[in-house]
Each structure stands twice: as structure tokens, then as C-alpha cells.
Amino acid sequence: MTKEQVIRYLSETLSDLLDREVVLDETTRQSDVDGWDSLTTMTFMVLIENDLHVQMSIEEISRFENIGALADRILGK
């Protein structure tokens, strides 16, 4: 999987959670997306863990600066 594919997956997954189209890029932060709250984050992370088989702690999740950093972590960089 490439970084672009991971970001596309993240966009599609978050769109499903928020029930509207969300387009993410490497610089997108949680605060940039209307409706993305802490409950959405937890659900989002569970889906990522289940779909992509990546385990992350709550502390690690809270440190992601943006979608690019999350994609890098998913890819193991």
C-alpha cells in the first residue's frame, strides 16, 4: 500500500463515519474536519486497526499531528 492509498482509505473511512464526503490530505488535522470529535477518533482508530491490522495506543493516537503522520505510522515509517 502506498501513502496515497492509505490517505484515500482514511478519507473513505472517515466519510462513512461522518456520513458525508471528507477529503483528507497529508496536512489535514482533526480540527480541520467539522464533526470529527473524540468519539469519531476512537471509532476511526478501531476501524483502522481492524481493517489494516495496525495496533496503536491511545497515547500514540493523541500524538498524531496530521493525516500524513498517521499514514506514515500505518505504513510503519
C-alpha atoms as a PDB file:
ATOM      1  CA  MET A   1       0.000   0.000   0.000  1.00  0.00           C
ATOM      2  CA  THR A   2       1.292   3.468  -0.849  1.00  0.00           C
ATOM      3  CA  LYS A   3       0.874   6.563   1.285  1.00  0.00           C
ATOM      4  CA  GLU A   4      -1.655   7.917  -1.222  1.00  0.00           C
ATOM      5  CA  GLN A   5      -3.685   4.695  -0.941  1.00  0.00           C
ATOM      6  CA  VAL A   6      -3.635   4.889   2.851  1.00  0.00           C
ATOM      7  CA  ILE A   7      -4.835   8.508   2.770  1.00  0.00           C
ATOM      8  CA  ARG A   8      -7.596   7.535   0.310  1.00  0.00           C
ATOM      9  CA  TYR A   9      -8.642   4.698   2.674  1.00  0.00           C
ATOM     10  CA  LEU A  10      -8.640   7.141   5.611  1.00  0.00           C
ATOM     11  CA  SER A  11     -10.767   9.631   3.638  1.00  0.00           C
ATOM     12  CA  GLU A  12     -13.298   6.961   2.671  1.00  0.00           C
ATOM     13  CA  THR A  13     -13.470   5.545   6.199  1.00  0.00           C
ATOM     14  CA  LEU A  14     -13.930   8.953   7.821  1.00  0.00           C
ATOM     15  CA  SER A  15     -16.528   9.857   5.175  1.00  0.00           C
ATOM     16  CA  ASP A  16     -18.501   6.745   6.125  1.00  0.00           C
ATOM     17  CA  LEU A  17     -18.273   7.604   9.827  1.00  0.00           C
ATOM     18  CA  LEU A  18     -19.415  11.196   9.336  1.00  0.00           C
ATOM     19  CA  ASP A  19     -21.980  10.255   6.682  1.00  0.00           C
ATOM     20  CA  ARG A  20     -20.665  12.867   4.248  1.00  0.00           C
ATOM     21  CA  GLU A  21     -17.748  13.239   1.876  1.00  0.00           C
ATOM     22  CA  VAL A  22     -14.465  14.093   3.548  1.00  0.00           C
ATOM     23  CA  VAL A  23     -11.309  14.621   1.515  1.00  0.00           C
ATOM     24  CA  LEU A  24      -8.135  14.338   3.549  1.00  0.00           C
ATOM     25  CA  ASP A  25      -4.576  15.177   2.592  1.00  0.00           C
ATOM     26  CA  GLU A  26      -1.268  14.877   4.400  1.00  0.00           C
ATOM     27  CA  THR A  27      -1.686  18.182   6.210  1.00  0.00           C
ATOM     28  CA  THR A  28      -5.271  17.679   7.419  1.00  0.00           C
ATOM     29  CA  ARG A  29      -5.699  17.843  11.190  1.00  0.00           C
ATOM     30  CA  GLN A  30      -8.645  16.611  13.218  1.00  0.00           C
ATOM     31  CA  SER A  31      -9.623  20.205  13.953  1.00  0.00           C
ATOM     32  CA  ASP A  32      -9.891  20.883  10.196  1.00  0.00           C
ATOM     33  CA  VAL A  33     -12.837  18.489   9.790  1.00  0.00           C
ATOM     34  CA  ASP A  34     -16.259  19.562  11.092  1.00  0.00           C
ATOM     35  CA  GLY A  35     -17.839  16.872  13.225  1.00  0.00           C
ATOM     36  CA  TRP A  36     -14.618  14.967  13.914  1.00  0.00           C
ATOM     37  CA  ASP A  37     -14.744  14.617  17.686  1.00  0.00           C
ATOM     38  CA  SER A  38     -13.117  12.269  20.202  1.00  0.00           C
ATOM     39  CA  LEU A  39     -15.759   9.562  19.750  1.00  0.00           C
ATOM     40  CA  THR A  40     -15.213   9.670  15.989  1.00  0.00           C
ATOM     41  CA  THR A  41     -11.465   9.357  16.589  1.00  0.00           C
ATOM     42  CA  MET A  42     -11.896   6.241  18.721  1.00  0.00           C
ATOM     43  CA  THR A  43     -14.228   4.602  16.205  1.00  0.00           C
ATOM     44  CA  PHE A  44     -11.904   5.620  13.353  1.00  0.00           C
ATOM     45  CA  MET A  45      -8.922   4.032  15.089  1.00  0.00           C
ATOM     46  CA  VAL A  46     -10.783   0.778  15.789  1.00  0.00           C
ATOM     47  CA  LEU A  47     -11.699   0.528  12.102  1.00  0.00           C
ATOM     48  CA  ILE A  48      -8.103   1.215  11.073  1.00  0.00           C
ATOM     49  CA  GLU A  49      -6.811  -1.404  13.484  1.00  0.00           C
ATOM     50  CA  ASN A  50      -9.311  -3.990  12.266  1.00  0.00           C
ATOM     51  CA  ASP A  51      -9.001  -3.251   8.544  1.00  0.00           C
ATOM     52  CA  LEU A  52      -5.256  -2.647   8.325  1.00  0.00           C
ATOM     53  CA  HIS A  53      -4.049  -4.753  11.281  1.00  0.00           C
ATOM     54  CA  VAL A  54      -2.163  -1.894  12.926  1.00  0.00           C
ATOM     55  CA  GLN A  55      -2.226  -1.636  16.722  1.00  0.00           C
ATOM     56  CA  MET A  56      -1.906   1.808  18.330  1.00  0.00           C
ATOM     57  CA  SER A  57      -2.139   3.000  21.912  1.00  0.00           C
ATOM     58  CA  ILE A  58      -4.335   5.892  22.976  1.00  0.00           C
ATOM     59  CA  GLU A  59      -1.203   7.896  23.775  1.00  0.00           C
ATOM     60  CA  GLU A  60       0.173   7.258  20.296  1.00  0.00           C
ATOM     61  CA  ILE A  61      -3.113   8.236  18.659  1.00  0.00           C
ATOM     62  CA  SER A  62      -3.204  11.525  20.562  1.00  0.00           C
ATOM     63  CA  ARG A  63       0.273  12.469  19.275  1.00  0.00           C
ATOM     64  CA  PHE A  64      -0.508  12.381  15.544  1.00  0.00           C
ATOM     65  CA  GLU A  65      -0.072  15.888  14.227  1.00  0.00           C
ATOM     66  CA  ASN A  66      -1.901  15.276  10.957  1.00  0.00           C
ATOM     67  CA  ILE A  67      -3.119  12.637   8.487  1.00  0.00           C
ATOM     68  CA  GLY A  68       0.333  12.355   6.926  1.00  0.00           C
ATOM     69  CA  ALA A  69       1.822  11.313  10.271  1.00  0.00           C
ATOM     70  CA  LEU A  70      -0.973   8.766  10.767  1.00  0.00           C
ATOM     71  CA  ALA A  71      -0.400   7.369   7.263  1.00  0.00           C
ATOM     72  CA  ASP A  72       3.336   7.079   7.964  1.00  0.00           C
ATOM     73  CA  ARG A  73       2.609   5.157  11.172  1.00  0.00           C
ATOM     74  CA  ILE A  74       0.225   2.814   9.363  1.00  0.00           C
ATOM     75  CA  LEU A  75       2.939   2.156   6.779  1.00  0.00           C
ATOM     76  CA  GLY A  76       5.471   1.533   9.539  1.00  0.00           C
ATOM     77  CA  LYS A  77       7.695   4.513   8.755  1.00  0.00           C
END
